[in-house]
Amino acid sequence: MPEGGPQDEGGEKRYEERYGQHLDHYYDEVISHLGQPEALLILGPGEAKLQLKERLSHSKALSRCVVRIETTDKLTDSQIVAKVKEHYGIDR
């Protein structure tokens, strides 16, 4: 069979479905450790923060939680603390 044929597409589709299920399970595990916060600030590069926010929208327990997203480069622990304090208006 030539490469790129219909069977290759089926394998790729199955891989994407399994990967999506894996991510859903991972995000559900993360969400299970959040408790019931009033608000969440999700920081970071890439798309994972958007995927997590989408998964949070399916959680009945967190339906009233205010979720904010901020795209950032990689941050040190001190930079994360500063961002959270800034976002929530916490004096240093």
N, C-alpha and C. Protein backbone atom coordinates (compact mmCIF):
# COMPACT_ATOMS: atom_id res chain seq x y z
N MET A 1 0.84 -1.19 0.00
CA MET A 1 0.00 0.00 0.00
C MET A 1 0.88 1.24 0.00
N PRO A 2 0.50 2.24 -0.77
CA PRO A 2 1.26 3.48 -0.75
C PRO A 2 1.05 4.23 0.56
N GLU A 3 2.11 4.97 0.96
CA GLU A 3 1.99 5.76 2.19
C GLU A 3 0.95 6.85 1.99
N GLY A 4 0.30 7.22 3.08
CA GLY A 4 -0.69 8.29 3.01
C GLY A 4 -2.05 7.82 2.54
N GLY A 5 -2.24 6.51 2.40
CA GLY A 5 -3.52 5.98 1.95
C GLY A 5 -4.57 6.03 3.05
N PRO A 6 -5.76 5.53 2.76
CA PRO A 6 -6.86 5.56 3.72
C PRO A 6 -6.55 4.90 5.05
N GLN A 7 -5.73 3.84 5.04
CA GLN A 7 -5.42 3.17 6.30
C GLN A 7 -4.57 4.07 7.20
N ASP A 8 -3.66 4.85 6.61
CA ASP A 8 -2.87 5.78 7.40
C ASP A 8 -3.76 6.81 8.06
N GLU A 9 -4.75 7.30 7.35
CA GLU A 9 -5.67 8.29 7.91
C GLU A 9 -6.43 7.70 9.09
N GLY A 10 -6.85 6.45 9.00
CA GLY A 10 -7.57 5.79 10.09
C GLY A 10 -6.70 5.66 11.33
N GLY A 11 -5.44 5.31 11.14
CA GLY A 11 -4.50 5.20 12.25
C GLY A 11 -4.27 6.54 12.92
N GLU A 12 -4.14 7.57 12.12
CA GLU A 12 -3.95 8.92 12.67
C GLU A 12 -5.18 9.38 13.43
N LYS A 13 -6.35 9.07 12.90
CA LYS A 13 -7.59 9.46 13.58
C LYS A 13 -7.71 8.75 14.92
N ARG A 14 -7.40 7.44 14.94
CA ARG A 14 -7.45 6.69 16.20
C ARG A 14 -6.45 7.25 17.19
N TYR A 15 -5.26 7.61 16.71
CA TYR A 15 -4.25 8.20 17.59
C TYR A 15 -4.76 9.51 18.18
N GLU A 16 -5.33 10.37 17.37
CA GLU A 16 -5.86 11.65 17.85
C GLU A 16 -6.99 11.44 18.86
N GLU A 17 -7.85 10.45 18.63
CA GLU A 17 -8.93 10.16 19.57
C GLU A 17 -8.37 9.68 20.91
N ARG A 18 -7.40 8.77 20.86
CA ARG A 18 -6.76 8.29 22.10
C ARG A 18 -6.04 9.42 22.82
N TYR A 19 -5.36 10.26 22.08
CA TYR A 19 -4.64 11.39 22.67
C TYR A 19 -5.64 12.35 23.32
N GLY A 20 -6.75 12.63 22.65
CA GLY A 20 -7.79 13.49 23.22
C GLY A 20 -8.38 12.90 24.49
N GLN A 21 -8.61 11.59 24.50
CA GLN A 21 -9.12 10.93 25.70
C GLN A 21 -8.10 11.00 26.84
N HIS A 22 -6.83 10.84 26.50
CA HIS A 22 -5.76 10.94 27.50
C HIS A 22 -5.74 12.34 28.10
N LEU A 23 -5.82 13.37 27.26
CA LEU A 23 -5.84 14.75 27.77
C LEU A 23 -7.05 15.00 28.65
N ASP A 24 -8.21 14.53 28.22
CA ASP A 24 -9.43 14.70 29.03
C ASP A 24 -9.23 14.08 30.42
N HIS A 25 -8.67 12.88 30.46
CA HIS A 25 -8.42 12.21 31.73
C HIS A 25 -7.42 13.01 32.57
N TYR A 26 -6.38 13.51 31.94
CA TYR A 26 -5.36 14.30 32.64
C TYR A 26 -5.99 15.56 33.23
N TYR A 27 -6.75 16.31 32.42
CA TYR A 27 -7.37 17.54 32.91
C TYR A 27 -8.39 17.23 34.02
N ASP A 28 -9.13 16.14 33.89
CA ASP A 28 -10.07 15.76 34.95
C ASP A 28 -9.33 15.47 36.25
N GLU A 29 -8.17 14.85 36.15
CA GLU A 29 -7.35 14.57 37.33
C GLU A 29 -6.88 15.88 37.97
N VAL A 30 -6.42 16.82 37.16
CA VAL A 30 -6.01 18.13 37.67
C VAL A 30 -7.19 18.80 38.35
N ILE A 31 -8.34 18.81 37.71
CA ILE A 31 -9.54 19.46 38.24
C ILE A 31 -9.96 18.83 39.57
N SER A 32 -9.78 17.52 39.70
CA SER A 32 -10.18 16.84 40.93
C SER A 32 -9.37 17.31 42.14
N HIS A 33 -8.22 17.93 41.90
CA HIS A 33 -7.37 18.40 42.99
C HIS A 33 -7.56 19.89 43.29
N LEU A 34 -8.44 20.56 42.58
CA LEU A 34 -8.62 22.00 42.76
C LEU A 34 -9.52 22.37 43.94
N GLY A 35 -10.33 21.46 44.40
CA GLY A 35 -11.30 21.82 45.44
C GLY A 35 -12.42 22.63 44.81
N GLN A 36 -12.87 23.67 45.51
CA GLN A 36 -13.93 24.52 44.97
C GLN A 36 -13.54 26.00 45.10
N PRO A 37 -12.56 26.42 44.31
CA PRO A 37 -12.11 27.81 44.38
C PRO A 37 -13.15 28.77 43.80
N GLU A 38 -13.12 30.01 44.27
CA GLU A 38 -13.99 31.04 43.70
C GLU A 38 -13.43 31.53 42.38
N ALA A 39 -12.10 31.49 42.25
CA ALA A 39 -11.45 31.99 41.04
C ALA A 39 -10.17 31.22 40.77
N LEU A 40 -9.83 31.14 39.50
CA LEU A 40 -8.58 30.51 39.06
C LEU A 40 -7.89 31.42 38.06
N LEU A 41 -6.58 31.53 38.18
CA LEU A 41 -5.76 32.23 37.20
C LEU A 41 -4.85 31.18 36.59
N ILE A 42 -4.97 30.98 35.29
CA ILE A 42 -4.17 29.97 34.60
C ILE A 42 -3.16 30.71 33.73
N LEU A 43 -1.88 30.47 34.01
CA LEU A 43 -0.79 31.14 33.32
C LEU A 43 0.00 30.16 32.48
N GLY A 44 0.61 30.67 31.41
CA GLY A 44 1.54 29.84 30.67
C GLY A 44 1.50 30.05 29.18
N PRO A 45 2.47 29.47 28.49
CA PRO A 45 2.51 29.53 27.03
C PRO A 45 1.63 28.43 26.44
N GLY A 46 1.47 28.46 25.16
CA GLY A 46 0.80 27.36 24.47
C GLY A 46 -0.70 27.28 24.68
N GLU A 47 -1.25 26.15 24.25
CA GLU A 47 -2.70 25.96 24.23
C GLU A 47 -3.25 25.19 25.42
N ALA A 48 -2.41 24.58 26.22
CA ALA A 48 -2.90 23.73 27.32
C ALA A 48 -3.81 24.51 28.25
N LYS A 49 -3.50 25.76 28.52
CA LYS A 49 -4.34 26.55 29.44
C LYS A 49 -5.74 26.74 28.86
N LEU A 50 -5.85 26.87 27.55
CA LEU A 50 -7.16 27.02 26.91
C LEU A 50 -7.92 25.69 26.96
N GLN A 51 -7.22 24.60 26.78
CA GLN A 51 -7.85 23.28 26.86
C GLN A 51 -8.33 23.00 28.28
N LEU A 52 -7.53 23.40 29.27
CA LEU A 52 -7.94 23.22 30.66
C LEU A 52 -9.17 24.07 30.96
N LYS A 53 -9.18 25.31 30.50
CA LYS A 53 -10.34 26.18 30.73
C LYS A 53 -11.59 25.57 30.10
N GLU A 54 -11.46 25.02 28.92
CA GLU A 54 -12.59 24.37 28.26
C GLU A 54 -13.09 23.18 29.08
N ARG A 55 -12.16 22.39 29.59
CA ARG A 55 -12.54 21.23 30.40
C ARG A 55 -13.19 21.67 31.71
N LEU A 56 -12.71 22.78 32.28
CA LEU A 56 -13.31 23.32 33.50
C LEU A 56 -14.77 23.71 33.28
N SER A 57 -15.08 24.15 32.07
CA SER A 57 -16.45 24.57 31.77
C SER A 57 -17.44 23.40 31.83
N HIS A 58 -16.94 22.18 31.81
CA HIS A 58 -17.80 20.99 31.89
C HIS A 58 -18.00 20.51 33.33
N SER A 59 -17.33 21.16 34.27
CA SER A 59 -17.38 20.74 35.67
C SER A 59 -18.53 21.43 36.40
N LYS A 60 -19.49 20.65 36.88
CA LYS A 60 -20.61 21.21 37.64
C LYS A 60 -20.11 21.82 38.95
N ALA A 61 -19.13 21.19 39.58
CA ALA A 61 -18.61 21.68 40.86
C ALA A 61 -17.94 23.04 40.73
N LEU A 62 -17.43 23.35 39.54
CA LEU A 62 -16.73 24.61 39.34
C LEU A 62 -17.51 25.58 38.44
N SER A 63 -18.80 25.37 38.33
CA SER A 63 -19.59 26.19 37.42
C SER A 63 -19.61 27.67 37.80
N ARG A 64 -19.40 27.99 39.07
CA ARG A 64 -19.40 29.39 39.52
C ARG A 64 -17.99 29.96 39.63
N CYS A 65 -17.00 29.17 39.34
CA CYS A 65 -15.61 29.60 39.44
C CYS A 65 -15.27 30.55 38.29
N VAL A 66 -14.68 31.69 38.62
CA VAL A 66 -14.24 32.64 37.61
C VAL A 66 -12.85 32.21 37.15
N VAL A 67 -12.71 31.95 35.86
CA VAL A 67 -11.44 31.47 35.32
C VAL A 67 -10.87 32.55 34.40
N ARG A 68 -9.64 32.95 34.68
CA ARG A 68 -8.93 33.92 33.86
C ARG A 68 -7.69 33.25 33.29
N ILE A 69 -7.37 33.61 32.05
CA ILE A 69 -6.24 33.06 31.33
C ILE A 69 -5.26 34.19 31.03
N GLU A 70 -3.98 33.91 31.20
CA GLU A 70 -2.96 34.88 30.80
C GLU A 70 -1.82 34.13 30.12
N THR A 71 -1.54 34.54 28.90
CA THR A 71 -0.44 33.94 28.15
C THR A 71 0.86 34.55 28.64
N THR A 72 1.77 33.69 29.03
CA THR A 72 3.08 34.13 29.51
C THR A 72 4.14 33.20 28.96
N ASP A 73 5.37 33.68 29.02
CA ASP A 73 6.50 32.80 28.76
C ASP A 73 6.72 31.96 30.01
N LYS A 74 7.72 31.12 29.98
CA LYS A 74 8.05 30.33 31.16
C LYS A 74 8.38 31.28 32.31
N LEU A 75 7.81 31.01 33.49
CA LEU A 75 8.00 31.89 34.64
C LEU A 75 8.72 31.16 35.77
N THR A 76 9.51 31.92 36.51
CA THR A 76 10.11 31.38 37.73
C THR A 76 9.04 31.37 38.81
N ASP A 77 9.30 30.70 39.93
CA ASP A 77 8.35 30.70 41.04
C ASP A 77 8.07 32.12 41.52
N SER A 78 9.10 32.93 41.63
CA SER A 78 8.94 34.32 42.08
C SER A 78 8.08 35.12 41.10
N GLN A 79 8.25 34.89 39.82
CA GLN A 79 7.44 35.58 38.82
C GLN A 79 5.98 35.15 38.89
N ILE A 80 5.75 33.88 39.17
CA ILE A 80 4.37 33.38 39.31
C ILE A 80 3.70 34.05 40.50
N VAL A 81 4.41 34.11 41.64
CA VAL A 81 3.87 34.76 42.83
C VAL A 81 3.55 36.21 42.53
N ALA A 82 4.44 36.91 41.85
CA ALA A 82 4.21 38.32 41.51
C ALA A 82 3.00 38.49 40.61
N LYS A 83 2.85 37.61 39.62
CA LYS A 83 1.69 37.67 38.71
C LYS A 83 0.38 37.47 39.47
N VAL A 84 0.35 36.49 40.35
CA VAL A 84 -0.86 36.21 41.12
C VAL A 84 -1.20 37.40 42.03
N LYS A 85 -0.19 37.93 42.71
CA LYS A 85 -0.41 39.09 43.57
C LYS A 85 -0.93 40.28 42.77
N GLU A 86 -0.35 40.50 41.61
CA GLU A 86 -0.79 41.60 40.74
C GLU A 86 -2.23 41.39 40.28
N HIS A 87 -2.52 40.20 39.83
CA HIS A 87 -3.86 39.91 39.30
C HIS A 87 -4.95 40.06 40.36
N TYR A 88 -4.67 39.59 41.57
CA TYR A 88 -5.67 39.63 42.63
C TYR A 88 -5.55 40.85 43.53
N GLY A 89 -4.63 41.77 43.20
CA GLY A 89 -4.50 43.00 43.97
C GLY A 89 -3.99 42.78 45.38
N ILE A 90 -3.09 41.85 45.53
CA ILE A 90 -2.54 41.54 46.85
C ILE A 90 -1.26 42.36 47.02
N ASP A 91 -1.19 43.11 48.12
CA ASP A 91 0.01 43.90 48.40
C ASP A 91 1.17 42.98 48.71
N ARG A 92 2.31 43.43 48.34
CA ARG A 92 3.53 42.63 48.56
C ARG A 92 3.98 42.83 49.92
